[in-house]
Amino acid sequence: MTSEPFEPRPAVTCLPDETIREIGDRFIQSAVPVLVVVNPADGMVRGIITLHDLIRAQAAVRQ
């Protein structure tokens, strides 16, 4: 079995003030399991959002 060389790709990012709907749309458009939350002022990483986080947030809004 031969392994393909690893090719890094830019992270898919979102901003701290984006809505659950916007974040869900970003997940659908990019097909990634994690979004990187960045500070718009300085571009520093603030955290990550996983698909699991999104599902929990959507469930909490429905209750």
N, C-alpha and C. Protein backbone atom coordinates (compact mmCIF):
# COMPACT_ATOMS: atom_id res chain seq x y z
N MET A 1 0.84 -1.17 0.00
CA MET A 1 0.00 0.00 0.00
C MET A 1 0.90 1.24 0.00
N THR A 2 0.61 2.16 -0.90
CA THR A 2 1.34 3.42 -0.94
C THR A 2 0.48 4.52 -0.39
N SER A 3 1.11 5.38 0.34
CA SER A 3 0.36 6.51 0.90
C SER A 3 0.61 7.74 0.04
N GLU A 4 -0.44 8.51 -0.09
CA GLU A 4 -0.34 9.75 -0.84
C GLU A 4 0.35 10.80 0.03
N PRO A 5 1.12 11.69 -0.58
CA PRO A 5 1.74 12.75 0.23
C PRO A 5 0.68 13.66 0.82
N PHE A 6 0.94 14.12 2.03
CA PHE A 6 0.02 15.01 2.73
C PHE A 6 0.07 16.38 2.09
N GLU A 7 -1.08 16.89 1.73
CA GLU A 7 -1.15 18.23 1.14
C GLU A 7 -1.99 19.12 2.05
N PRO A 8 -1.34 20.01 2.80
CA PRO A 8 -2.11 20.86 3.72
C PRO A 8 -3.03 21.80 2.96
N ARG A 9 -4.18 22.07 3.56
CA ARG A 9 -5.15 23.00 2.98
C ARG A 9 -5.44 24.09 3.99
N PRO A 10 -5.83 25.26 3.51
CA PRO A 10 -6.18 26.33 4.45
C PRO A 10 -7.35 25.90 5.34
N ALA A 11 -7.31 26.35 6.58
CA ALA A 11 -8.41 26.05 7.51
C ALA A 11 -9.66 26.80 7.08
N VAL A 12 -10.81 26.19 7.33
CA VAL A 12 -12.08 26.86 7.11
C VAL A 12 -12.41 27.60 8.41
N THR A 13 -12.64 28.89 8.30
CA THR A 13 -12.81 29.72 9.50
C THR A 13 -14.20 30.32 9.59
N CYS A 14 -14.52 30.78 10.79
CA CYS A 14 -15.73 31.53 11.05
C CYS A 14 -15.42 32.59 12.09
N LEU A 15 -16.35 33.50 12.28
CA LEU A 15 -16.16 34.59 13.24
C LEU A 15 -16.99 34.34 14.49
N PRO A 16 -16.61 34.89 15.63
CA PRO A 16 -17.32 34.65 16.88
C PRO A 16 -18.78 35.11 16.87
N ASP A 17 -19.13 36.07 16.03
CA ASP A 17 -20.51 36.59 16.05
C ASP A 17 -21.41 35.96 15.00
N GLU A 18 -20.97 34.91 14.32
CA GLU A 18 -21.81 34.27 13.31
C GLU A 18 -22.93 33.47 13.99
N THR A 19 -24.06 33.41 13.31
CA THR A 19 -25.22 32.68 13.84
C THR A 19 -25.05 31.18 13.64
N ILE A 20 -25.88 30.41 14.34
CA ILE A 20 -25.88 28.96 14.18
C ILE A 20 -26.18 28.60 12.73
N ARG A 21 -27.11 29.30 12.12
CA ARG A 21 -27.46 29.04 10.71
C ARG A 21 -26.26 29.30 9.80
N GLU A 22 -25.56 30.41 10.01
CA GLU A 22 -24.39 30.72 9.18
C GLU A 22 -23.30 29.67 9.33
N ILE A 23 -23.10 29.23 10.56
CA ILE A 23 -22.08 28.21 10.81
C ILE A 23 -22.49 26.88 10.17
N GLY A 24 -23.76 26.54 10.28
CA GLY A 24 -24.26 25.32 9.62
C GLY A 24 -24.06 25.38 8.12
N ASP A 25 -24.36 26.52 7.54
CA ASP A 25 -24.15 26.68 6.09
C ASP A 25 -22.68 26.53 5.72
N ARG A 26 -21.81 27.06 6.55
CA ARG A 26 -20.37 26.96 6.29
C ARG A 26 -19.93 25.50 6.32
N PHE A 27 -20.44 24.73 7.29
CA PHE A 27 -20.12 23.30 7.34
C PHE A 27 -20.58 22.60 6.06
N ILE A 28 -21.79 22.90 5.62
CA ILE A 28 -22.33 22.26 4.41
C ILE A 28 -21.51 22.63 3.18
N GLN A 29 -21.16 23.88 3.04
CA GLN A 29 -20.40 24.34 1.87
C GLN A 29 -18.99 23.77 1.82
N SER A 30 -18.38 23.55 2.96
CA SER A 30 -16.98 23.16 2.98
C SER A 30 -16.74 21.67 3.19
N ALA A 31 -17.71 20.96 3.74
CA ALA A 31 -17.59 19.52 4.02
C ALA A 31 -16.40 19.20 4.93
N VAL A 32 -16.16 20.05 5.92
CA VAL A 32 -15.12 19.80 6.92
C VAL A 32 -15.78 19.49 8.26
N PRO A 33 -15.11 18.75 9.14
CA PRO A 33 -15.71 18.42 10.44
C PRO A 33 -15.46 19.47 11.53
N VAL A 34 -14.59 20.45 11.26
CA VAL A 34 -14.23 21.45 12.27
C VAL A 34 -14.06 22.82 11.61
N LEU A 35 -14.59 23.86 12.25
CA LEU A 35 -14.35 25.24 11.83
C LEU A 35 -13.46 25.90 12.87
N VAL A 36 -12.56 26.73 12.42
CA VAL A 36 -11.66 27.47 13.31
C VAL A 36 -12.26 28.86 13.52
N VAL A 37 -12.49 29.22 14.77
CA VAL A 37 -13.04 30.54 15.10
C VAL A 37 -11.88 31.51 15.24
N VAL A 38 -11.94 32.59 14.45
CA VAL A 38 -10.86 33.58 14.49
C VAL A 38 -11.38 34.95 14.91
N ASN A 39 -10.53 35.71 15.56
CA ASN A 39 -10.83 37.08 15.95
C ASN A 39 -10.68 37.95 14.70
N PRO A 40 -11.73 38.68 14.30
CA PRO A 40 -11.62 39.48 13.08
C PRO A 40 -10.63 40.63 13.19
N ALA A 41 -10.35 41.08 14.40
CA ALA A 41 -9.45 42.21 14.58
C ALA A 41 -7.99 41.86 14.32
N ASP A 42 -7.58 40.66 14.76
CA ASP A 42 -6.16 40.32 14.63
C ASP A 42 -5.90 38.98 13.95
N GLY A 43 -6.97 38.25 13.60
CA GLY A 43 -6.80 36.97 12.92
C GLY A 43 -6.34 35.84 13.82
N MET A 44 -6.27 36.08 15.12
CA MET A 44 -5.83 35.04 16.06
C MET A 44 -6.95 34.01 16.27
N VAL A 45 -6.54 32.78 16.49
CA VAL A 45 -7.49 31.70 16.75
C VAL A 45 -8.11 31.88 18.12
N ARG A 46 -9.45 31.82 18.17
CA ARG A 46 -10.20 31.94 19.42
C ARG A 46 -10.70 30.58 19.89
N GLY A 47 -10.84 29.62 18.97
CA GLY A 47 -11.33 28.30 19.34
C GLY A 47 -11.71 27.52 18.11
N ILE A 48 -12.42 26.40 18.33
CA ILE A 48 -12.92 25.59 17.23
C ILE A 48 -14.38 25.25 17.48
N ILE A 49 -15.09 24.97 16.41
CA ILE A 49 -16.47 24.48 16.49
C ILE A 49 -16.51 23.18 15.71
N THR A 50 -16.99 22.13 16.37
CA THR A 50 -17.12 20.83 15.72
C THR A 50 -18.56 20.63 15.25
N LEU A 51 -18.76 19.62 14.42
CA LEU A 51 -20.13 19.28 14.02
C LEU A 51 -20.97 18.92 15.24
N HIS A 52 -20.35 18.28 16.21
CA HIS A 52 -21.06 17.93 17.45
C HIS A 52 -21.53 19.20 18.16
N ASP A 53 -20.67 20.21 18.23
CA ASP A 53 -21.05 21.48 18.84
C ASP A 53 -22.26 22.09 18.13
N LEU A 54 -22.24 22.04 16.80
CA LEU A 54 -23.33 22.61 16.01
C LEU A 54 -24.65 21.88 16.30
N ILE A 55 -24.60 20.57 16.34
CA ILE A 55 -25.82 19.79 16.61
C ILE A 55 -26.37 20.11 18.00
N ARG A 56 -25.51 20.22 18.99
CA ARG A 56 -25.96 20.56 20.34
C ARG A 56 -26.57 21.96 20.39
N ALA A 57 -25.96 22.91 19.69
CA ALA A 57 -26.50 24.29 19.67
C ALA A 57 -27.85 24.33 18.99
N GLN A 58 -28.01 23.58 17.89
CA GLN A 58 -29.29 23.55 17.20
C GLN A 58 -30.36 22.91 18.09
N ALA A 59 -30.01 21.88 18.81
CA ALA A 59 -30.96 21.22 19.72
C ALA A 59 -31.38 22.17 20.84
N ALA A 60 -30.43 22.93 21.37
CA ALA A 60 -30.73 23.84 22.46
C ALA A 60 -31.67 24.96 22.01
N VAL A 61 -31.51 25.41 20.78
CA VAL A 61 -32.37 26.47 20.25
C VAL A 61 -33.80 25.97 20.09
N ARG A 62 -33.96 24.70 19.73
CA ARG A 62 -35.30 24.13 19.50
C ARG A 62 -36.06 23.89 20.78
N GLN A 63 -35.37 23.82 21.93
CA GLN A 63 -36.04 23.52 23.20
C GLN A 63 -36.66 24.73 23.81
